[in-house]
Structure formats: C-alpha cells, structure tokens
Amino acid sequence: MKIGSMMKRTKLRPMSAKMRDAMSEYREKKAIFFENHPTCPITGEIATDIHHICGRGKYLNEENTWIAISRKAHDAIHFGGQKLARECGLLQDGKSFSRDKINIEKAKELIVLHNI
C-alpha cells in the first residue's frame, strides 16, 4: 500500500431501534450496578468494567449474569486464560448459568498465573 493512499472502509450497519433501546437500558443499569458494586472482587481495585459471564447477546441486560470487575481482571479473563476462567465460573453458557459456579479465590489465580 502506498503512503498516503486510503484503504477502502466498510460502512457499519446502522443500529436497529431494538438494539438502540437495549443499549440505552444497559447504560442506565450499568451505572446503578457500579454504584452497588464499586470494587472488583478479584483484584480489590475499583471496578471499571462489567463482565458478562454468559456473553452480551441475549444476556446484555440480565444483571444476574454480570460481575463488576477491574480492567486487569477483565483482561485476565478474556486474554489470560479462558480455560481457567471457565473452571472458576467466569465464562459460562447461558443455558446452564449458575452464580454458585463462580469461585473468586480460584479467579485470583488468573491474575497471578498470567502476570497481568
């Protein structure tokens, strides 16, 4: 590619009204969730991210599938070791979701093992 030449950009599809409404609801719920869960249970740092244990998709606004965590913990879950994150219940299938599967003490190993 020549210096100064422009790459062709693919236009993003516009957000549907349904998704726009869901995202608006999410932003409101997220602010309240952070007020009620200000600290990351894994690192003890200020919680800055919402981790969606069952993914965002249809569970976007299901607060019982959320955990407020620090950026460090979020990176460890997604980039440090997904196998361990599944073992400690931080990545789950929505069909078999249970908060009882979450093991915060084991989750702390993600931070140590991956030096994040």
C-alpha atoms as a PDB file:
ATOM      1  CA  MET A   1       0.000   0.000   0.000  1.00  0.00           C
ATOM      2  CA  LYS A   2       1.352   3.405  -0.914  1.00  0.00           C
ATOM      3  CA  ILE A   3       1.933   6.002   1.743  1.00  0.00           C
ATOM      4  CA  GLY A   4      -0.986   8.386   1.863  1.00  0.00           C
ATOM      5  CA  SER A   5      -3.377   6.124  -0.003  1.00  0.00           C
ATOM      6  CA  MET A   6      -6.691   5.461   1.680  1.00  0.00           C
ATOM      7  CA  MET A   7      -7.923   1.985   2.415  1.00  0.00           C
ATOM      8  CA  LYS A   8     -11.495   1.228   1.498  1.00  0.00           C
ATOM      9  CA  ARG A   9     -13.624   1.301   4.624  1.00  0.00           C
ATOM     10  CA  THR A  10     -16.632  -0.874   5.119  1.00  0.00           C
ATOM     11  CA  LYS A  11     -19.615   1.046   6.427  1.00  0.00           C
ATOM     12  CA  LEU A  12     -21.071  -0.137   9.681  1.00  0.00           C
ATOM     13  CA  ARG A  13     -24.676  -1.191   9.616  1.00  0.00           C
ATOM     14  CA  PRO A  14     -26.896   1.254  11.459  1.00  0.00           C
ATOM     15  CA  MET A  15     -28.016   0.095  14.903  1.00  0.00           C
ATOM     16  CA  SER A  16     -31.589  -1.183  14.957  1.00  0.00           C
ATOM     17  CA  ALA A  17     -34.157   0.577  17.110  1.00  0.00           C
ATOM     18  CA  LYS A  18     -34.418  -2.567  19.255  1.00  0.00           C
ATOM     19  CA  MET A  19     -30.657  -2.602  19.888  1.00  0.00           C
ATOM     20  CA  ARG A  20     -30.595   1.148  20.489  1.00  0.00           C
ATOM     21  CA  ASP A  21     -33.265   0.685  23.191  1.00  0.00           C
ATOM     22  CA  ALA A  22     -31.383  -2.279  24.698  1.00  0.00           C
ATOM     23  CA  MET A  23     -28.132  -0.279  24.831  1.00  0.00           C
ATOM     24  CA  SER A  24     -29.894   2.678  26.436  1.00  0.00           C
ATOM     25  CA  GLU A  25     -31.321   0.372  29.104  1.00  0.00           C
ATOM     26  CA  TYR A  26     -27.862  -1.208  29.538  1.00  0.00           C
ATOM     27  CA  ARG A  27     -26.157   2.144  30.152  1.00  0.00           C
ATOM     28  CA  GLU A  28     -28.714   3.043  32.838  1.00  0.00           C
ATOM     29  CA  LYS A  29     -28.494  -0.346  34.578  1.00  0.00           C
ATOM     30  CA  LYS A  30     -24.687  -0.332  34.354  1.00  0.00           C
ATOM     31  CA  ALA A  31     -24.392   2.989  36.208  1.00  0.00           C
ATOM     32  CA  ILE A  32     -26.545   1.690  39.064  1.00  0.00           C
ATOM     33  CA  PHE A  33     -24.682  -1.631  39.099  1.00  0.00           C
ATOM     34  CA  PHE A  34     -21.346   0.149  39.569  1.00  0.00           C
ATOM     35  CA  GLU A  35     -22.807   2.167  42.461  1.00  0.00           C
ATOM     36  CA  ASN A  36     -23.813  -1.091  44.164  1.00  0.00           C
ATOM     37  CA  HIS A  37     -20.602  -2.985  43.224  1.00  0.00           C
ATOM     38  CA  PRO A  38     -17.745  -0.439  43.303  1.00  0.00           C
ATOM     39  CA  THR A  39     -14.865  -2.875  43.901  1.00  0.00           C
ATOM     40  CA  CYS A  40     -13.523  -5.760  41.856  1.00  0.00           C
ATOM     41  CA  PRO A  41     -13.809  -8.962  43.922  1.00  0.00           C
ATOM     42  CA  ILE A  42     -10.812 -10.454  42.084  1.00  0.00           C
ATOM     43  CA  THR A  43      -8.216  -7.677  42.369  1.00  0.00           C
ATOM     44  CA  GLY A  44      -9.679  -5.401  45.053  1.00  0.00           C
ATOM     45  CA  GLU A  45      -9.267  -2.453  42.653  1.00  0.00           C
ATOM     46  CA  ILE A  46     -12.007  -0.069  41.563  1.00  0.00           C
ATOM     47  CA  ALA A  47     -14.442  -1.848  39.245  1.00  0.00           C
ATOM     48  CA  THR A  48     -14.390  -0.231  35.801  1.00  0.00           C
ATOM     49  CA  ASP A  49     -15.827  -2.986  33.585  1.00  0.00           C
ATOM     50  CA  ILE A  50     -18.934  -5.109  33.517  1.00  0.00           C
ATOM     51  CA  HIS A  51     -18.076  -8.704  32.665  1.00  0.00           C
ATOM     52  CA  HIS A  52     -20.979 -10.555  31.063  1.00  0.00           C
ATOM     53  CA  ILE A  53     -20.499 -14.089  32.352  1.00  0.00           C
ATOM     54  CA  CYS A  54     -22.793 -15.550  29.670  1.00  0.00           C
ATOM     55  CA  GLY A  55     -21.808 -13.140  26.907  1.00  0.00           C
ATOM     56  CA  ARG A  56     -23.601  -9.987  25.840  1.00  0.00           C
ATOM     57  CA  GLY A  57     -26.068 -11.169  23.189  1.00  0.00           C
ATOM     58  CA  LYS A  58     -29.420 -12.022  24.705  1.00  0.00           C
ATOM     59  CA  TYR A  59     -27.968 -11.614  28.219  1.00  0.00           C
ATOM     60  CA  LEU A  60     -26.951  -7.976  27.696  1.00  0.00           C
ATOM     61  CA  ASN A  61     -29.378  -6.616  30.291  1.00  0.00           C
ATOM     62  CA  GLU A  62     -29.557  -9.645  32.600  1.00  0.00           C
ATOM     63  CA  GLU A  63     -27.869  -8.229  35.706  1.00  0.00           C
ATOM     64  CA  ASN A  64     -27.701 -11.614  37.402  1.00  0.00           C
ATOM     65  CA  THR A  65     -25.146 -12.622  34.726  1.00  0.00           C
ATOM     66  CA  TRP A  66     -22.927  -9.579  35.361  1.00  0.00           C
ATOM     67  CA  ILE A  67     -19.922  -9.059  37.600  1.00  0.00           C
ATOM     68  CA  ALA A  68     -18.274  -5.661  38.152  1.00  0.00           C
ATOM     69  CA  ILE A  69     -14.521  -6.056  37.768  1.00  0.00           C
ATOM     70  CA  SER A  70     -11.327  -4.117  37.098  1.00  0.00           C
ATOM     71  CA  ARG A  71      -9.781  -3.828  33.646  1.00  0.00           C
ATOM     72  CA  LYS A  72      -6.899  -6.027  34.853  1.00  0.00           C
ATOM     73  CA  ALA A  73      -9.308  -8.821  35.849  1.00  0.00           C
ATOM     74  CA  HIS A  74     -11.290  -8.457  32.614  1.00  0.00           C
ATOM     75  CA  ASP A  75      -8.137  -8.771  30.528  1.00  0.00           C
ATOM     76  CA  ALA A  76      -7.101 -11.833  32.530  1.00  0.00           C
ATOM     77  CA  ILE A  77     -10.472 -13.495  31.902  1.00  0.00           C
ATOM     78  CA  HIS A  78     -10.520 -12.888  28.159  1.00  0.00           C
ATOM     79  CA  PHE A  79      -6.840 -12.865  27.237  1.00  0.00           C
ATOM     80  CA  GLY A  80      -5.066 -14.626  30.079  1.00  0.00           C
ATOM     81  CA  GLY A  81      -6.684 -17.985  30.300  1.00  0.00           C
ATOM     82  CA  GLN A  82     -10.171 -18.788  29.144  1.00  0.00           C
ATOM     83  CA  LYS A  83      -9.877 -22.390  30.321  1.00  0.00           C
ATOM     84  CA  LEU A  84      -9.208 -21.292  33.906  1.00  0.00           C
ATOM     85  CA  ALA A  85     -11.884 -18.582  33.585  1.00  0.00           C
ATOM     86  CA  ARG A  86     -14.391 -21.312  32.670  1.00  0.00           C
ATOM     87  CA  GLU A  87     -13.197 -23.502  35.544  1.00  0.00           C
ATOM     88  CA  CYS A  88     -13.810 -20.700  38.043  1.00  0.00           C
ATOM     89  CA  GLY A  89     -17.232 -19.893  36.561  1.00  0.00           C
ATOM     90  CA  LEU A  90     -16.465 -16.531  34.954  1.00  0.00           C
ATOM     91  CA  LEU A  91     -17.272 -17.787  31.465  1.00  0.00           C
ATOM     92  CA  GLN A  92     -20.466 -19.812  31.306  1.00  0.00           C
ATOM     93  CA  ASP A  93     -23.072 -20.963  28.867  1.00  0.00           C
ATOM     94  CA  GLY A  94     -26.338 -19.128  29.495  1.00  0.00           C
ATOM     95  CA  LYS A  95     -28.344 -22.353  29.449  1.00  0.00           C
ATOM     96  CA  SER A  96     -26.509 -23.782  32.446  1.00  0.00           C
ATOM     97  CA  PHE A  97     -25.652 -20.491  34.198  1.00  0.00           C
ATOM     98  CA  SER A  98     -25.346 -20.549  37.982  1.00  0.00           C
ATOM     99  CA  ARG A  99     -23.779 -17.953  40.289  1.00  0.00           C
ATOM    100  CA  ASP A 100     -22.876 -20.902  42.534  1.00  0.00           C
ATOM    101  CA  LYS A 101     -20.260 -21.929  39.937  1.00  0.00           C
ATOM    102  CA  ILE A 102     -18.286 -18.710  40.464  1.00  0.00           C
ATOM    103  CA  ASN A 103     -15.123 -19.203  42.526  1.00  0.00           C
ATOM    104  CA  ILE A 104     -13.460 -15.836  43.170  1.00  0.00           C
ATOM    105  CA  GLU A 105     -10.480 -17.347  45.019  1.00  0.00           C
ATOM    106  CA  LYS A 106      -9.684 -19.521  42.006  1.00  0.00           C
ATOM    107  CA  ALA A 107     -10.234 -16.498  39.725  1.00  0.00           C
ATOM    108  CA  LYS A 108      -7.414 -14.707  41.552  1.00  0.00           C
ATOM    109  CA  GLU A 109      -5.089 -17.346  40.074  1.00  0.00           C
ATOM    110  CA  LEU A 110      -5.740 -15.802  36.635  1.00  0.00           C
ATOM    111  CA  ILE A 111      -4.009 -12.617  37.742  1.00  0.00           C
ATOM    112  CA  VAL A 112      -1.060 -14.454  39.295  1.00  0.00           C
ATOM    113  CA  LEU A 113      -0.568 -17.021  36.522  1.00  0.00           C
ATOM    114  CA  HIS A 114      -0.700 -14.547  33.695  1.00  0.00           C
ATOM    115  CA  ASN A 115       1.130 -11.738  35.452  1.00  0.00           C
ATOM    116  CA  ILE A 116      -1.476  -9.231  34.350  1.00  0.00           C
END
